[in-house]
Amino acid sequence: MRFLDLHVHTYPLSDCSGLSEDQLAAFYLEHQEFVVTVSDHQSLGWYDRFVGKRKMFSPAETLYSTELSFAPGHTDLVLTTYDLDAFAPLRPVLARGERYLQQVSQKVFQVIRDPRVLVVWAHPEDPKPSWLEDEDFDFIEFNYTHLWLVNDELGLMRYLEWLGREHPDKLFIVGSDSHSTFTLGETFVSFNGDVRTGEEAWGALKAGAFTNHMNFTRRQVGGFRAGGIDKETLTWTFTPQTRTPLVTNPRVGSLEKMRSYLSDEEVESLIMRY
């Protein structure tokens, strides 16, 4: 296995999605170079149906993930582990079937702090909620679906500058946030070498031994051109350690130059919010 997309949703477990459970299973059967995973909202039901002895996929080729959506701070975290037992404290929380968790319980904190669990701050925005201030997390997500809400390259530059400044020790990871077959396989990480198991994939993520890819062949990027896009494949490639703005504009070039012809109010108005 060589590729992974941590952020995918299926219907009906995620009622926001138009991608069925069977469609995702068919995708993984057809694309066996991908590590098997799904991050349904507050659910592990897809794994219960498809992963296990005498089921479609083996636990060895799987990373277990879920997206927890919190009402406090309107915050989303994608959690992933190679060991399903790490999510055991979450089972009572998930069984309630809430679309948004109304509180951050001790069981949630127990899982977030488990060394077997990697934590992705999904489509982050400023300000970070107070309850997350004292919690460690592993990745900042650059989200393919939310990227299409960006229609100005200055806003994107401002957003990336904030991410790099506020979280210099965190790695970037991409996620498609797929809700349909349209975006499956368009955004993914590629590991620096083949991984044989979900646990090996987890270890490569933890080590930052991967490259991020976003494929723009199916859509026109409105309003900006991202630096690093290959003109033939229209794939935007960057490392998880990237700390400089990922967008280039010869007319602007930097925030300092922006401010030379935009007012502070105009610059602040370009802060990208999801």
Protein backbone atom coordinates (compact mmCIF):
# COMPACT_ATOMS: atom_id res chain seq x y z
CA MET A 1 0.00 0.00 0.00
CA ARG A 2 1.24 3.47 -0.83
CA PHE A 3 -1.58 6.00 -0.41
CA LEU A 4 -4.00 7.21 2.27
CA ASP A 5 -6.88 9.68 2.59
CA LEU A 6 -7.83 10.06 6.25
CA HIS A 7 -10.90 12.25 5.73
CA VAL A 8 -13.83 10.49 4.02
CA HIS A 9 -17.53 10.22 4.96
CA THR A 10 -20.22 7.68 4.02
CA TYR A 11 -24.00 7.71 4.15
CA PRO A 12 -26.02 7.00 6.30
CA LEU A 13 -23.44 6.99 9.11
CA SER A 14 -22.58 10.58 8.14
CA ASP A 15 -25.89 12.12 7.14
CA CYS A 16 -24.07 14.94 5.33
CA SER A 17 -22.57 12.52 2.78
CA GLY A 18 -23.81 11.27 -0.55
CA LEU A 19 -21.15 8.55 -0.71
CA SER A 20 -22.58 5.19 0.30
CA GLU A 21 -20.81 2.64 2.47
CA ASP A 22 -20.79 0.21 -0.46
CA GLN A 23 -19.31 2.78 -2.84
CA LEU A 24 -16.36 3.36 -0.54
CA ALA A 25 -15.83 -0.37 -0.09
CA ALA A 26 -15.85 -0.76 -3.90
CA PHE A 27 -13.27 2.03 -4.19
CA TYR A 28 -10.89 0.25 -1.83
CA LEU A 29 -11.37 -3.06 -3.63
CA GLU A 30 -10.50 -1.38 -6.93
CA HIS A 31 -7.62 0.69 -5.51
CA GLN A 32 -5.71 -1.70 -3.30
CA GLU A 33 -2.77 0.71 -3.18
CA PHE A 34 -4.82 2.74 -0.64
CA VAL A 35 -4.84 2.02 3.08
CA VAL A 36 -8.43 1.26 4.11
CA THR A 37 -9.96 3.97 6.31
CA VAL A 38 -13.06 6.17 6.75
CA SER A 39 -13.78 8.99 9.21
CA ASP A 40 -17.54 9.08 9.65
CA HIS A 41 -18.91 11.57 12.15
CA GLN A 42 -19.10 10.03 15.62
CA SER A 43 -19.21 6.51 14.18
CA LEU A 44 -17.16 3.35 13.72
CA GLY A 45 -20.03 1.54 12.01
CA TRP A 46 -18.32 1.17 8.61
CA TYR A 47 -15.54 -0.87 10.22
CA ASP A 48 -18.04 -3.02 12.09
CA ARG A 49 -19.62 -3.92 8.75
CA PHE A 50 -16.60 -4.33 6.48
CA VAL A 51 -13.46 -5.05 8.56
CA GLY A 52 -12.73 -8.26 10.43
CA LYS A 53 -12.51 -12.02 10.14
CA ARG A 54 -14.47 -13.32 7.12
CA LYS A 55 -15.30 -9.74 6.11
CA MET A 56 -14.23 -7.71 3.09
CA PHE A 57 -11.07 -6.15 4.58
CA SER A 58 -8.60 -7.39 7.15
CA PRO A 59 -7.65 -5.37 10.24
CA ALA A 60 -4.03 -5.51 9.09
CA GLU A 61 -4.71 -3.29 6.07
CA THR A 62 -6.89 -0.84 8.00
CA LEU A 63 -6.49 2.39 9.91
CA TYR A 64 -9.46 3.10 12.18
CA SER A 65 -10.65 6.69 12.12
CA THR A 66 -13.58 8.85 13.16
CA GLU A 67 -14.31 12.56 13.02
CA LEU A 68 -15.52 14.06 16.28
CA SER A 69 -17.51 17.28 15.83
CA PHE A 70 -17.79 19.44 18.93
CA ALA A 71 -20.38 22.14 19.51
CA PRO A 72 -17.99 23.98 21.91
CA GLY A 73 -15.78 26.04 19.60
CA HIS A 74 -17.28 24.47 16.45
CA THR A 75 -14.23 22.23 16.29
CA ASP A 76 -13.62 18.99 14.39
CA LEU A 77 -10.92 16.43 15.14
CA VAL A 78 -10.14 13.38 13.03
CA LEU A 79 -8.72 10.64 15.23
CA THR A 80 -6.91 7.64 13.78
CA THR A 81 -5.34 4.50 15.25
CA TYR A 82 -4.06 1.11 14.17
CA ASP A 83 -5.52 -0.47 17.33
CA LEU A 84 -9.31 -0.40 17.55
CA ASP A 85 -9.10 -0.99 21.30
CA ALA A 86 -7.78 2.56 21.65
CA PHE A 87 -11.28 3.79 20.73
CA ALA A 88 -13.02 1.62 23.35
CA PRO A 89 -13.71 4.58 25.69
CA LEU A 90 -15.49 6.32 22.80
CA ARG A 91 -18.04 3.57 22.22
CA PRO A 92 -20.57 4.90 24.78
CA VAL A 93 -20.12 8.42 23.37
CA LEU A 94 -20.61 7.26 19.78
CA ALA A 95 -23.62 5.13 20.72
CA ARG A 96 -25.60 8.28 21.51
CA GLY A 97 -25.71 9.12 17.80
CA GLU A 98 -25.19 12.87 18.28
CA ARG A 99 -24.31 14.94 15.22
CA TYR A 100 -22.38 17.34 17.46
CA LEU A 101 -20.91 16.50 20.85
CA GLN A 102 -22.24 19.04 23.30
CA GLN A 103 -19.35 18.65 25.70
CA VAL A 104 -15.77 17.42 25.65
CA SER A 105 -15.99 14.53 28.10
CA GLN A 106 -13.19 12.87 30.00
CA LYS A 107 -13.61 9.80 27.80
CA VAL A 108 -12.88 11.96 24.75
CA PHE A 109 -9.81 13.45 26.43
CA GLN A 110 -8.69 9.91 27.33
CA VAL A 111 -8.72 8.90 23.67
CA ILE A 112 -7.14 12.13 22.41
CA ARG A 113 -4.26 11.61 24.83
CA ASP A 114 -3.78 7.91 24.03
CA PRO A 115 -0.32 7.41 22.45
CA ARG A 116 -1.88 4.99 19.94
CA VAL A 117 -4.09 7.76 18.54
CA LEU A 118 -3.05 10.44 16.04
CA VAL A 119 -5.09 13.65 16.19
CA VAL A 120 -5.81 15.86 13.17
CA TRP A 121 -7.29 19.32 13.69
CA ALA A 122 -9.65 19.19 10.72
CA HIS A 123 -10.22 22.37 8.65
CA PRO A 124 -8.96 24.58 11.50
CA GLU A 125 -9.88 28.21 11.90
CA ASP A 126 -8.93 31.11 14.12
CA PRO A 127 -9.42 31.31 17.03
CA LYS A 128 -8.60 27.89 18.41
CA PRO A 129 -11.18 26.91 21.04
CA SER A 130 -10.03 27.31 24.63
CA TRP A 131 -10.54 23.63 25.49
CA LEU A 132 -8.04 22.66 22.76
CA GLU A 133 -5.36 25.06 23.98
CA ASP A 134 -3.85 22.62 26.46
CA GLU A 135 -4.26 19.52 24.29
CA ASP A 136 -1.57 18.17 22.03
CA PHE A 137 -2.43 17.22 18.47
CA ASP A 138 -0.36 15.87 15.62
CA PHE A 139 -1.53 17.45 12.37
CA ILE A 140 -3.13 20.54 10.89
CA GLU A 141 -5.35 19.55 8.01
CA PHE A 142 -5.42 21.26 4.65
CA ASN A 143 -8.90 20.34 3.49
CA TYR A 144 -9.68 19.76 -0.20
CA THR A 145 -13.41 20.37 0.08
CA HIS A 146 -13.08 23.58 2.08
CA LEU A 147 -10.38 24.85 -0.26
CA TRP A 148 -13.09 25.61 -2.81
CA LEU A 149 -14.52 28.21 -0.46
CA VAL A 150 -11.34 30.21 -1.01
CA ASN A 151 -11.77 32.67 -3.86
CA ASP A 152 -8.89 34.99 -3.14
CA GLU A 153 -5.24 34.09 -3.00
CA LEU A 154 -4.44 36.82 -0.47
CA GLY A 155 -6.87 35.24 1.97
CA LEU A 156 -5.19 31.89 1.53
CA MET A 157 -1.76 33.40 2.12
CA ARG A 158 -3.00 35.08 5.27
CA TYR A 159 -4.51 31.84 6.52
CA LEU A 160 -1.37 29.82 5.88
CA GLU A 161 0.77 32.45 7.55
CA TRP A 162 -1.45 32.19 10.63
CA LEU A 163 -1.19 28.39 10.67
CA GLY A 164 2.59 28.44 10.39
CA ARG A 165 3.00 31.15 13.00
CA GLU A 166 0.60 29.73 15.58
CA HIS A 167 1.60 26.08 15.22
CA PRO A 168 5.25 25.88 14.14
CA ASP A 169 5.70 22.40 15.57
CA LYS A 170 2.75 20.79 13.76
CA LEU A 171 2.76 18.93 10.48
CA PHE A 172 0.43 19.65 7.58
CA ILE A 173 -1.70 16.79 6.25
CA VAL A 174 -4.26 16.87 3.45
CA GLY A 175 -7.72 15.36 3.60
CA SER A 176 -10.29 15.18 0.83
CA ASP A 177 -13.30 15.42 3.17
CA SER A 178 -15.03 13.37 0.46
CA HIS A 179 -18.81 13.24 0.55
CA SER A 180 -19.18 11.73 -2.94
CA THR A 181 -17.33 9.60 -5.48
CA PHE A 182 -16.39 12.84 -7.27
CA THR A 183 -13.54 13.64 -4.90
CA LEU A 184 -12.37 10.13 -3.98
CA GLY A 185 -8.74 9.68 -4.93
CA GLU A 186 -8.22 13.38 -5.71
CA THR A 187 -6.48 14.19 -2.43
CA PHE A 188 -4.16 11.84 -0.56
CA VAL A 189 -0.83 11.37 1.13
CA SER A 190 1.80 9.18 -0.47
CA PHE A 191 4.20 7.38 1.83
CA ASN A 192 7.91 7.53 1.18
CA GLY A 193 7.88 3.74 0.75
CA ASP A 194 5.36 0.94 0.64
CA VAL A 195 3.58 0.14 3.90
CA ARG A 196 2.38 -3.40 4.55
CA THR A 197 -0.07 -2.74 7.37
CA GLY A 198 -2.20 -0.04 8.91
CA GLU A 199 0.23 0.10 11.80
CA GLU A 200 3.12 0.80 9.43
CA ALA A 201 1.04 3.54 7.78
CA TRP A 202 0.36 5.02 11.23
CA GLY A 203 4.09 4.99 11.99
CA ALA A 204 4.91 6.74 8.70
CA LEU A 205 2.35 9.42 9.49
CA LYS A 206 3.77 9.88 12.97
CA ALA A 207 7.26 10.27 11.51
CA GLY A 208 6.12 12.73 8.83
CA ALA A 209 7.40 10.31 6.17
CA PHE A 210 4.88 11.23 3.51
CA THR A 211 4.04 13.81 0.84
CA ASN A 212 0.73 15.66 0.44
CA HIS A 213 -1.08 15.70 -2.92
CA MET A 214 -4.14 17.59 -4.16
CA ASN A 215 -5.33 16.92 -7.70
CA PHE A 216 -7.09 19.84 -9.40
CA THR A 217 -7.83 18.21 -12.75
CA ARG A 218 -11.58 18.02 -12.07
CA ARG A 219 -12.09 21.59 -10.88
CA GLN A 220 -10.93 25.08 -11.65
CA VAL A 221 -9.31 26.78 -8.70
CA GLY A 222 -11.12 30.07 -8.38
CA GLY A 223 -9.08 33.21 -7.92
CA PHE A 224 -5.56 31.91 -7.25
CA ARG A 225 -2.82 29.68 -8.56
CA ALA A 226 -1.03 27.57 -6.00
CA GLY A 227 2.74 27.41 -6.10
CA GLY A 228 4.08 23.91 -6.73
CA ILE A 229 1.29 22.76 -9.06
CA ASP A 230 2.59 20.52 -11.82
CA LYS A 231 1.23 21.99 -15.07
CA GLU A 232 0.79 18.57 -16.68
CA THR A 233 -0.99 16.71 -13.89
CA LEU A 234 -2.37 19.75 -12.02
CA THR A 235 -1.31 18.09 -8.80
CA TRP A 236 -0.33 20.36 -5.91
CA THR A 237 2.43 18.61 -3.94
CA PHE A 238 3.94 19.75 -0.65
CA THR A 239 5.63 18.22 2.38
CA PRO A 240 4.09 17.92 5.85
CA GLN A 241 6.88 20.18 7.13
CA THR A 242 5.98 23.09 4.79
CA ARG A 243 6.16 26.37 6.66
CA THR A 244 6.12 29.00 3.92
CA PRO A 245 3.03 30.22 2.07
CA LEU A 246 2.03 27.66 -0.55
CA VAL A 247 0.74 30.29 -2.95
CA THR A 248 2.65 32.57 -5.26
CA ASN A 249 1.63 35.88 -6.78
CA PRO A 250 4.35 37.91 -8.49
CA ARG A 251 2.32 41.08 -7.90
CA VAL A 252 2.12 40.51 -4.15
CA GLY A 253 4.78 38.07 -2.99
CA SER A 254 4.47 38.67 0.74
CA LEU A 255 2.23 40.06 3.44
CA GLU A 256 4.53 43.09 3.71
CA LYS A 257 3.97 43.90 0.05
CA MET A 258 0.25 43.32 0.50
CA ARG A 259 0.16 45.98 3.15
CA SER A 260 1.97 48.41 0.87
CA TYR A 261 -1.15 48.80 -1.24
CA LEU A 262 -3.96 47.41 0.96
CA SER A 263 -5.24 48.90 4.18
CA ASP A 264 -5.03 46.88 7.40
CA GLU A 265 -8.80 46.51 7.25
CA GLU A 266 -8.62 45.11 3.72
CA VAL A 267 -5.88 42.66 4.67
CA GLU A 268 -7.84 41.46 7.70
CA SER A 269 -10.96 41.07 5.57
CA LEU A 270 -9.07 38.50 3.51
CA ILE A 271 -8.60 36.11 6.45
CA MET A 272 -10.05 32.85 5.25
CA ARG A 273 -12.72 31.37 7.49
CA TYR A 274 -14.51 28.09 6.79
